Amino acid sequence: MENYYWNDWYAGWGWFLWFGLIMVIFSSFGNWGYFYRAHRRFDSDFPQRTAVDILKERYASGELEEDEFLKKMSQISEVKKINKLKSSTILS
């Protein structure tokens, strides 16, 4: 008389195959979750606000006066020039 409940999938090494399949499924979900959380802030559909955008908004709302706005804009442009020079000297 054969017992169909304890077939090769349960009594032999078949449990090892099921264990492997379950581990692959869990690791796939874990990998997807990590990738999603790590990259969602960089791949967002929202435009990134730069310092110039924030400065323009503050000037438009009246928080900054014109001379203050122009001074800060010139400082930002100087920083951009310095960073551009640094990156070009590093690359060459």
PDB file of N, CA and C in Angstrom:
ATOM      1  N   MET A   1       0.842  -1.174   0.000  1.00  0.00           N
ATOM      2  CA  MET A   1       0.000   0.000   0.000  1.00  0.00           C
ATOM      3  C   MET A   1       0.894   1.246   0.000  1.00  0.00           C
ATOM      4  N   GLU A   2       0.614   2.162  -0.920  1.00  0.00           N
ATOM      5  CA  GLU A   2       1.405   3.389  -1.020  1.00  0.00           C
ATOM      6  C   GLU A   2       0.742   4.501  -0.211  1.00  0.00           C
ATOM      7  N   ASN A   3       1.581   5.295   0.383  1.00  0.00           N
ATOM      8  CA  ASN A   3       1.086   6.451   1.109  1.00  0.00           C
ATOM      9  C   ASN A   3       1.376   7.684   0.249  1.00  0.00           C
ATOM     10  N   TYR A   4       0.350   8.304  -0.278  1.00  0.00           N
ATOM     11  CA  TYR A   4       0.535   9.421  -1.212  1.00  0.00           C
ATOM     12  C   TYR A   4       0.851  10.736  -0.499  1.00  0.00           C
ATOM     13  N   TYR A   5       0.639  10.787   0.806  1.00  0.00           N
ATOM     14  CA  TYR A   5       0.931  12.021   1.505  1.00  0.00           C
ATOM     15  C   TYR A   5       2.438  12.249   1.605  1.00  0.00           C
ATOM     16  N   TRP A   6       3.203  11.226   1.892  1.00  0.00           N
ATOM     17  CA  TRP A   6       4.646  11.363   2.034  1.00  0.00           C
ATOM     18  C   TRP A   6       5.328  10.983   0.730  1.00  0.00           C
ATOM     19  N   ASN A   7       5.120  11.790  -0.287  1.00  0.00           N
ATOM     20  CA  ASN A   7       5.763  11.525  -1.568  1.00  0.00           C
ATOM     21  C   ASN A   7       7.167  12.127  -1.572  1.00  0.00           C
ATOM     22  N   ASP A   8       7.799  12.183  -2.719  1.00  0.00           N
ATOM     23  CA  ASP A   8       9.180  12.655  -2.807  1.00  0.00           C
ATOM     24  C   ASP A   8       9.345  14.124  -2.432  1.00  0.00           C
ATOM     25  N   TRP A   9       8.300  14.915  -2.533  1.00  0.00           N
ATOM     26  CA  TRP A   9       8.425  16.327  -2.225  1.00  0.00           C
ATOM     27  C   TRP A   9       8.509  16.587  -0.726  1.00  0.00           C
ATOM     28  N   TYR A  10       8.079  15.664   0.077  1.00  0.00           N
ATOM     29  CA  TYR A  10       8.088  15.889   1.522  1.00  0.00           C
ATOM     30  C   TYR A  10       9.083  15.001   2.263  1.00  0.00           C
ATOM     31  N   ALA A  11       9.265  13.786   1.821  1.00  0.00           N
ATOM     32  CA  ALA A  11      10.088  12.853   2.579  1.00  0.00           C
ATOM     33  C   ALA A  11      11.559  12.921   2.175  1.00  0.00           C
ATOM     34  N   GLY A  12      11.846  13.190   0.919  1.00  0.00           N
ATOM     35  CA  GLY A  12      13.222  13.192   0.465  1.00  0.00           C
ATOM     36  C   GLY A  12      13.826  14.576   0.525  1.00  0.00           C
ATOM     37  N   TRP A  13      14.534  14.964  -0.536  1.00  0.00           N
ATOM     38  CA  TRP A  13      15.154  16.276  -0.609  1.00  0.00           C
ATOM     39  C   TRP A  13      14.235  17.326  -1.224  1.00  0.00           C
ATOM     40  N   GLY A  14      12.986  16.996  -1.445  1.00  0.00           N
ATOM     41  CA  GLY A  14      12.041  17.939  -2.033  1.00  0.00           C
ATOM     42  C   GLY A  14      11.797  19.164  -1.175  1.00  0.00           C
ATOM     43  N   TRP A  15      11.869  19.013   0.139  1.00  0.00           N
ATOM     44  CA  TRP A  15      11.675  20.157   1.033  1.00  0.00           C
ATOM     45  C   TRP A  15      12.735  21.214   0.792  1.00  0.00           C
ATOM     46  N   PHE A  16      13.924  20.756   0.392  1.00  0.00           N
ATOM     47  CA  PHE A  16      15.015  21.678   0.126  1.00  0.00           C
ATOM     48  C   PHE A  16      14.693  22.565  -1.074  1.00  0.00           C
ATOM     49  N   LEU A  17      14.024  21.997  -2.083  1.00  0.00           N
ATOM     50  CA  LEU A  17      13.614  22.790  -3.252  1.00  0.00           C
ATOM     51  C   LEU A  17      12.579  23.842  -2.858  1.00  0.00           C
ATOM     52  N   TRP A  18      11.611  23.462  -2.023  1.00  0.00           N
ATOM     53  CA  TRP A  18      10.611  24.422  -1.574  1.00  0.00           C
ATOM     54  C   TRP A  18      11.248  25.528  -0.740  1.00  0.00           C
ATOM     55  N   PHE A  19      12.177  25.147   0.118  1.00  0.00           N
ATOM     56  CA  PHE A  19      12.884  26.128   0.936  1.00  0.00           C
ATOM     57  C   PHE A  19      13.644  27.117   0.045  1.00  0.00           C
ATOM     58  N   GLY A  20      14.309  26.604  -0.977  1.00  0.00           N
ATOM     59  CA  GLY A  20      15.029  27.467  -1.911  1.00  0.00           C
ATOM     60  C   GLY A  20      14.106  28.418  -2.650  1.00  0.00           C
ATOM     61  N   LEU A  21      12.953  27.900  -3.073  1.00  0.00           N
ATOM     62  CA  LEU A  21      11.980  28.741  -3.785  1.00  0.00           C
ATOM     63  C   LEU A  21      11.458  29.855  -2.878  1.00  0.00           C
ATOM     64  N   ILE A  22      11.167  29.511  -1.642  1.00  0.00           N
ATOM     65  CA  ILE A  22      10.673  30.523  -0.695  1.00  0.00           C
ATOM     66  C   ILE A  22      11.756  31.568  -0.421  1.00  0.00           C
ATOM     67  N   MET A  23      12.989  31.148  -0.296  1.00  0.00           N
ATOM     68  CA  MET A  23      14.083  32.103  -0.070  1.00  0.00           C
ATOM     69  C   MET A  23      14.270  33.040  -1.267  1.00  0.00           C
ATOM     70  N   VAL A  24      14.136  32.522  -2.468  1.00  0.00           N
ATOM     71  CA  VAL A  24      14.250  33.369  -3.660  1.00  0.00           C
ATOM     72  C   VAL A  24      13.129  34.403  -3.686  1.00  0.00           C
ATOM     73  N   ILE A  25      11.932  33.998  -3.336  1.00  0.00           N
ATOM     74  CA  ILE A  25      10.796  34.928  -3.326  1.00  0.00           C
ATOM     75  C   ILE A  25      11.016  36.020  -2.277  1.00  0.00           C
ATOM     76  N   PHE A  26      11.405  35.618  -1.053  1.00  0.00           N
ATOM     77  CA  PHE A  26      11.637  36.618  -0.003  1.00  0.00           C
ATOM     78  C   PHE A  26      12.779  37.562  -0.353  1.00  0.00           C
ATOM     79  N   SER A  27      13.844  37.029  -0.908  1.00  0.00           N
ATOM     80  CA  SER A  27      14.973  37.904  -1.245  1.00  0.00           C
ATOM     81  C   SER A  27      14.611  38.841  -2.392  1.00  0.00           C
ATOM     82  N   SER A  28      13.767  38.402  -3.305  1.00  0.00           N
ATOM     83  CA  SER A  28      13.331  39.277  -4.401  1.00  0.00           C
ATOM     84  C   SER A  28      12.524  40.445  -3.856  1.00  0.00           C
ATOM     85  N   PHE A  29      11.613  40.157  -2.935  1.00  0.00           N
ATOM     86  CA  PHE A  29      10.835  41.238  -2.334  1.00  0.00           C
ATOM     87  C   PHE A  29      11.729  42.159  -1.516  1.00  0.00           C
ATOM     88  N   GLY A  30      12.683  41.600  -0.797  1.00  0.00           N
ATOM     89  CA  GLY A  30      13.600  42.423  -0.019  1.00  0.00           C
ATOM     90  C   GLY A  30      14.450  43.311  -0.898  1.00  0.00           C
ATOM     91  N   ASN A  31      14.936  42.765  -1.995  1.00  0.00           N
ATOM     92  CA  ASN A  31      15.752  43.536  -2.925  1.00  0.00           C
ATOM     93  C   ASN A  31      14.919  44.650  -3.557  1.00  0.00           C
ATOM     94  N   TRP A  32      13.691  44.350  -3.934  1.00  0.00           N
ATOM     95  CA  TRP A  32      12.820  45.362  -4.523  1.00  0.00           C
ATOM     96  C   TRP A  32      12.550  46.474  -3.501  1.00  0.00           C
ATOM     97  N   GLY A  33      12.284  46.100  -2.238  1.00  0.00           N
ATOM     98  CA  GLY A  33      12.001  47.096  -1.216  1.00  0.00           C
ATOM     99  C   GLY A  33      13.187  48.001  -0.955  1.00  0.00           C
ATOM    100  N   TYR A  34      14.378  47.417  -0.900  1.00  0.00           N
ATOM    101  CA  TYR A  34      15.574  48.226  -0.687  1.00  0.00           C
ATOM    102  C   TYR A  34      15.800  49.179  -1.861  1.00  0.00           C
ATOM    103  N   PHE A  35      15.695  48.650  -3.073  1.00  0.00           N
ATOM    104  CA  PHE A  35      15.924  49.472  -4.265  1.00  0.00           C
ATOM    105  C   PHE A  35      14.906  50.603  -4.335  1.00  0.00           C
ATOM    106  N   TYR A  36      13.661  50.319  -4.009  1.00  0.00           N
ATOM    107  CA  TYR A  36      12.613  51.342  -4.060  1.00  0.00           C
ATOM    108  C   TYR A  36      12.894  52.454  -3.056  1.00  0.00           C
ATOM    109  N   ARG A  37      13.207  52.079  -1.811  1.00  0.00           N
ATOM    110  CA  ARG A  37      13.434  53.093  -0.781  1.00  0.00           C
ATOM    111  C   ARG A  37      14.708  53.879  -1.013  1.00  0.00           C
ATOM    112  N   ALA A  38      15.730  53.242  -1.552  1.00  0.00           N
ATOM    113  CA  ALA A  38      17.008  53.923  -1.748  1.00  0.00           C
ATOM    114  C   ALA A  38      16.974  54.903  -2.910  1.00  0.00           C
ATOM    115  N   HIS A  39      16.157  54.636  -3.909  1.00  0.00           N
ATOM    116  CA  HIS A  39      16.194  55.454  -5.119  1.00  0.00           C
ATOM    117  C   HIS A  39      14.952  56.309  -5.336  1.00  0.00           C
ATOM    118  N   ARG A  40      13.992  56.261  -4.463  1.00  0.00           N
ATOM    119  CA  ARG A  40      12.769  57.027  -4.731  1.00  0.00           C
ATOM    120  C   ARG A  40      12.978  58.528  -4.642  1.00  0.00           C
ATOM    121  N   ARG A  41      13.884  58.986  -3.793  1.00  0.00           N
ATOM    122  CA  ARG A  41      14.069  60.431  -3.678  1.00  0.00           C
ATOM    123  C   ARG A  41      14.852  61.004  -4.848  1.00  0.00           C
ATOM    124  N   PHE A  42      15.648  60.179  -5.532  1.00  0.00           N
ATOM    125  CA  PHE A  42      16.431  60.664  -6.657  1.00  0.00           C
ATOM    126  C   PHE A  42      15.676  60.576  -7.977  1.00  0.00           C
ATOM    127  N   ASP A  43      14.705  59.696  -8.043  1.00  0.00           N
ATOM    128  CA  ASP A  43      13.951  59.501  -9.280  1.00  0.00           C
ATOM    129  C   ASP A  43      12.563  60.108  -9.207  1.00  0.00           C
ATOM    130  N   SER A  44      12.367  61.075  -8.345  1.00  0.00           N
ATOM    131  CA  SER A  44      11.036  61.644  -8.177  1.00  0.00           C
ATOM    132  C   SER A  44      10.651  62.484  -9.389  1.00  0.00           C
ATOM    133  N   ASP A  45       9.349  62.624  -9.559  1.00  0.00           N
ATOM    134  CA  ASP A  45       8.831  63.410 -10.677  1.00  0.00           C
ATOM    135  C   ASP A  45       8.827  64.904 -10.365  1.00  0.00           C
ATOM    136  N   PHE A  46       9.045  65.247  -9.114  1.00  0.00           N
ATOM    137  CA  PHE A  46       9.039  66.641  -8.735  1.00  0.00           C
ATOM    138  C   PHE A  46      10.358  67.300  -9.122  1.00  0.00           C
ATOM    139  N   PRO A  47      10.298  68.514  -9.653  1.00  0.00           N
ATOM    140  CA  PRO A  47      11.556  69.191 -10.003  1.00  0.00           C
ATOM    141  C   PRO A  47      12.328  69.565  -8.747  1.00  0.00           C
ATOM    142  N   GLN A  48      13.624  69.460  -8.823  1.00  0.00           N
ATOM    143  CA  GLN A  48      14.468  69.810  -7.697  1.00  0.00           C
ATOM    144  C   GLN A  48      14.641  71.323  -7.635  1.00  0.00           C
ATOM    145  N   ARG A  49      14.496  71.888  -6.451  1.00  0.00           N
ATOM    146  CA  ARG A  49      14.650  73.331  -6.277  1.00  0.00           C
ATOM    147  C   ARG A  49      16.113  73.643  -6.022  1.00  0.00           C
ATOM    148  N   THR A  50      16.631  74.574  -6.775  1.00  0.00           N
ATOM    149  CA  THR A  50      18.012  75.001  -6.591  1.00  0.00           C
ATOM    150  C   THR A  50      18.039  76.236  -5.702  1.00  0.00           C
ATOM    151  N   ALA A  51      19.242  76.655  -5.341  1.00  0.00           N
ATOM    152  CA  ALA A  51      19.402  77.842  -4.505  1.00  0.00           C
ATOM    153  C   ALA A  51      18.885  79.093  -5.232  1.00  0.00           C
ATOM    154  N   VAL A  52      19.086  79.125  -6.531  1.00  0.00           N
ATOM    155  CA  VAL A  52      18.617  80.284  -7.316  1.00  0.00           C
ATOM    156  C   VAL A  52      17.088  80.341  -7.306  1.00  0.00           C
ATOM    157  N   ASP A  53      16.437  79.172  -7.431  1.00  0.00           N
ATOM    158  CA  ASP A  53      14.968  79.146  -7.395  1.00  0.00           C
ATOM    159  C   ASP A  53      14.441  79.651  -6.056  1.00  0.00           C
ATOM    160  N   ILE A  54      15.045  79.209  -4.978  1.00  0.00           N
ATOM    161  CA  ILE A  54      14.609  79.643  -3.646  1.00  0.00           C
ATOM    162  C   ILE A  54      14.845  81.138  -3.470  1.00  0.00           C
ATOM    163  N   LEU A  55      15.983  81.609  -3.971  1.00  0.00           N
ATOM    164  CA  LEU A  55      16.293  83.040  -3.870  1.00  0.00           C
ATOM    165  C   LEU A  55      15.292  83.875  -4.662  1.00  0.00           C
ATOM    166  N   LYS A  56      14.940  83.416  -5.843  1.00  0.00           N
ATOM    167  CA  LYS A  56      13.947  84.138  -6.653  1.00  0.00           C
ATOM    168  C   LYS A  56      12.584  84.157  -5.974  1.00  0.00           C
ATOM    169  N   GLU A  57      12.202  83.046  -5.349  1.00  0.00           N
ATOM    170  CA  GLU A  57      10.923  83.004  -4.635  1.00  0.00           C
ATOM    171  C   GLU A  57      10.912  83.983  -3.460  1.00  0.00           C
ATOM    172  N   ARG A  58      12.018  84.022  -2.742  1.00  0.00           N
ATOM    173  CA  ARG A  58      12.099  84.937  -1.598  1.00  0.00           C
ATOM    174  C   ARG A  58      12.065  86.392  -2.049  1.00  0.00           C
ATOM    175  N   TYR A  59      12.692  86.685  -3.187  1.00  0.00           N
ATOM    176  CA  TYR A  59      12.679  88.045  -3.722  1.00  0.00           C
ATOM    177  C   TYR A  59      11.271  88.404  -4.203  1.00  0.00           C
ATOM    178  N   ALA A  60      10.609  87.440  -4.836  1.00  0.00           N
ATOM    179  CA  ALA A  60       9.257  87.695  -5.336  1.00  0.00           C
ATOM    180  C   ALA A  60       8.260  87.895  -4.197  1.00  0.00           C
ATOM    181  N   SER A  61       8.472  87.209  -3.086  1.00  0.00           N
ATOM    182  CA  SER A  61       7.538  87.357  -1.969  1.00  0.00           C
ATOM    183  C   SER A  61       7.815  88.599  -1.122  1.00  0.00           C
ATOM    184  N   GLY A  62       8.932  89.243  -1.373  1.00  0.00           N
ATOM    185  CA  GLY A  62       9.235  90.478  -0.666  1.00  0.00           C
ATOM    186  C   GLY A  62      10.117  90.292   0.558  1.00  0.00           C
ATOM    187  N   GLU A  63      10.632  89.088   0.770  1.00  0.00           N
ATOM    188  CA  GLU A  63      11.513  88.860   1.913  1.00  0.00           C
ATOM    189  C   GLU A  63      12.866  89.535   1.725  1.00  0.00           C
ATOM    190  N   LEU A  64      13.314  89.649   0.483  1.00  0.00           N
ATOM    191  CA  LEU A  64      14.613  90.248   0.172  1.00  0.00           C
ATOM    192  C   LEU A  64      14.417  91.523  -0.624  1.00  0.00           C
ATOM    193  N   GLU A  65      15.295  92.465  -0.380  1.00  0.00           N
ATOM    194  CA  GLU A  65      15.286  93.672  -1.202  1.00  0.00           C
ATOM    195  C   GLU A  65      16.205  93.448  -2.396  1.00  0.00           C
ATOM    196  N   GLU A  66      16.177  94.382  -3.333  1.00  0.00           N
ATOM    197  CA  GLU A  66      16.899  94.195  -4.588  1.00  0.00           C
ATOM    198  C   GLU A  66      18.409  94.093  -4.391  1.00  0.00           C
ATOM    199  N   ASP A  67      18.979  94.951  -3.575  1.00  0.00           N
ATOM    200  CA  ASP A  67      20.432  94.913  -3.379  1.00  0.00           C
ATOM    201  C   ASP A  67      20.871  93.604  -2.695  1.00  0.00           C
ATOM    202  N   GLU A  68      20.052  93.137  -1.756  1.00  0.00           N
ATOM    203  CA  GLU A  68      20.352  91.873  -1.089  1.00  0.00           C
ATOM    204  C   GLU A  68      20.250  90.701  -2.077  1.00  0.00           C
ATOM    205  N   PHE A  69      19.216  90.763  -2.913  1.00  0.00           N
ATOM    206  CA  PHE A  69      19.015  89.730  -3.926  1.00  0.00           C
ATOM    207  C   PHE A  69      20.195  89.671  -4.894  1.00  0.00           C
ATOM    208  N   LEU A  70      20.618  90.825  -5.395  1.00  0.00           N
ATOM    209  CA  LEU A  70      21.726  90.860  -6.352  1.00  0.00           C
ATOM    210  C   LEU A  70      23.035  90.397  -5.713  1.00  0.00           C
ATOM    211  N   LYS A  71      23.243  90.757  -4.450  1.00  0.00           N
ATOM    212  CA  LYS A  71      24.450  90.321  -3.743  1.00  0.00           C
ATOM    213  C   LYS A  71      24.493  88.805  -3.620  1.00  0.00           C
ATOM    214  N   LYS A  72      23.384  88.219  -3.241  1.00  0.00           N
ATOM    215  CA  LYS A  72      23.336  86.765  -3.075  1.00  0.00           C
ATOM    216  C   LYS A  72      23.432  86.046  -4.415  1.00  0.00           C
ATOM    217  N   MET A  73      22.852  86.626  -5.448  1.00  0.00           N
ATOM    218  CA  MET A  73      22.969  86.026  -6.789  1.00  0.00           C
ATOM    219  C   MET A  73      24.415  86.024  -7.258  1.00  0.00           C
ATOM    220  N   SER A  74      25.132  87.114  -6.987  1.00  0.00           N
ATOM    221  CA  SER A  74      26.543  87.162  -7.390  1.00  0.00           C
ATOM    222  C   SER A  74      27.365  86.152  -6.594  1.00  0.00           C
ATOM    223  N   GLN A  75      27.047  85.965  -5.319  1.00  0.00           N
ATOM    224  CA  GLN A  75      27.746  84.960  -4.517  1.00  0.00           C
ATOM    225  C   GLN A  75      27.493  83.552  -5.053  1.00  0.00           C
ATOM    226  N   ILE A  76      26.270  83.285  -5.431  1.00  0.00           N
ATOM    227  CA  ILE A  76      25.950  81.964  -5.990  1.00  0.00           C
ATOM    228  C   ILE A  76      26.683  81.744  -7.302  1.00  0.00           C
ATOM    229  N   SER A  77      26.734  82.754  -8.147  1.00  0.00           N
ATOM    230  CA  SER A  77      27.425  82.598  -9.433  1.00  0.00           C
ATOM    231  C   SER A  77      28.923  82.404  -9.231  1.00  0.00           C
ATOM    232  N   GLU A  78      29.501  83.075  -8.215  1.00  0.00           N
ATOM    233  CA  GLU A  78      30.922  82.870  -7.910  1.00  0.00           C
ATOM    234  C   GLU A  78      31.185  81.434  -7.457  1.00  0.00           C
ATOM    235  N   VAL A  79      30.316  80.921  -6.621  1.00  0.00           N
ATOM    236  CA  VAL A  79      30.468  79.541  -6.138  1.00  0.00           C
ATOM    237  C   VAL A  79      30.360  78.563  -7.307  1.00  0.00           C
ATOM    238  N   LYS A  80      29.423  78.816  -8.211  1.00  0.00           N
ATOM    239  CA  LYS A  80      29.279  77.933  -9.381  1.00  0.00           C
ATOM    240  C   LYS A  80      30.540  77.963 -10.246  1.00  0.00           C
ATOM    241  N   LYS A  81      31.113  79.156 -10.421  1.00  0.00           N
ATOM    242  CA  LYS A  81      32.341  79.270 -11.216  1.00  0.00           C
ATOM    243  C   LYS A  81      33.488  78.511 -10.553  1.00  0.00           C
ATOM    244  N   ILE A  82      33.608  78.651  -9.248  1.00  0.00           N
ATOM    245  CA  ILE A  82      34.686  77.968  -8.508  1.00  0.00           C
ATOM    246  C   ILE A  82      34.504  76.456  -8.617  1.00  0.00           C
ATOM    247  N   ASN A  83      33.280  75.985  -8.436  1.00  0.00           N
ATOM    248  CA  ASN A  83      33.025  74.547  -8.536  1.00  0.00           C
ATOM    249  C   ASN A  83      33.291  74.028  -9.939  1.00  0.00           C
ATOM    250  N   LYS A  84      32.959  74.842 -10.941  1.00  0.00           N
ATOM    251  CA  LYS A  84      33.209  74.429 -12.319  1.00  0.00           C
ATOM    252  C   LYS A  84      34.711  74.335 -12.592  1.00  0.00           C
ATOM    253  N   LEU A  85      35.466  75.295 -12.071  1.00  0.00           N
ATOM    254  CA  LEU A  85      36.925  75.251 -12.238  1.00  0.00           C
ATOM    255  C   LEU A  85      37.526  74.055 -11.509  1.00  0.00           C
ATOM    256  N   LYS A  86      37.057  73.783 -10.313  1.00  0.00           N
ATOM    257  CA  LYS A  86      37.565  72.634  -9.570  1.00  0.00           C
ATOM    258  C   LYS A  86      37.278  71.332 -10.302  1.00  0.00           C
ATOM    259  N   SER A  87      36.071  71.191 -10.819  1.00  0.00           N
ATOM    260  CA  SER A  87      35.711  69.950 -11.509  1.00  0.00           C
ATOM    261  C   SER A  87      36.497  69.807 -12.819  1.00  0.00           C
ATOM    262  N   SER A  88      36.774  70.928 -13.515  1.00  0.00           N
ATOM    263  CA  SER A  88      37.535  70.831 -14.759  1.00  0.00           C
ATOM    264  C   SER A  88      39.007  70.517 -14.492  1.00  0.00           C
ATOM    265  N   THR A  89      39.555  71.017 -13.378  1.00  0.00           N
ATOM    266  CA  THR A  89      40.953  70.696 -13.070  1.00  0.00           C
ATOM    267  C   THR A  89      41.094  69.278 -12.559  1.00  0.00           C
ATOM    268  N   ILE A  90      40.080  68.765 -11.895  1.00  0.00           N
ATOM    269  CA  ILE A  90      40.129  67.385 -11.409  1.00  0.00           C
ATOM    270  C   ILE A  90      40.038  66.426 -12.585  1.00  0.00           C
ATOM    271  N   LEU A  91      39.204  66.729 -13.543  1.00  0.00           N
ATOM    272  CA  LEU A  91      39.020  65.847 -14.694  1.00  0.00           C
ATOM    273  C   LEU A  91      40.205  65.871 -15.647  1.00  0.00           C
ATOM    274  N   SER A  92      40.941  66.962 -15.693  1.00  0.00           N
ATOM    275  CA  SER A  92      42.049  67.029 -16.646  1.00  0.00           C
ATOM    276  C   SER A  92      43.359  66.644 -16.030  1.00  0.00           C
TER     277      SER A  92
END
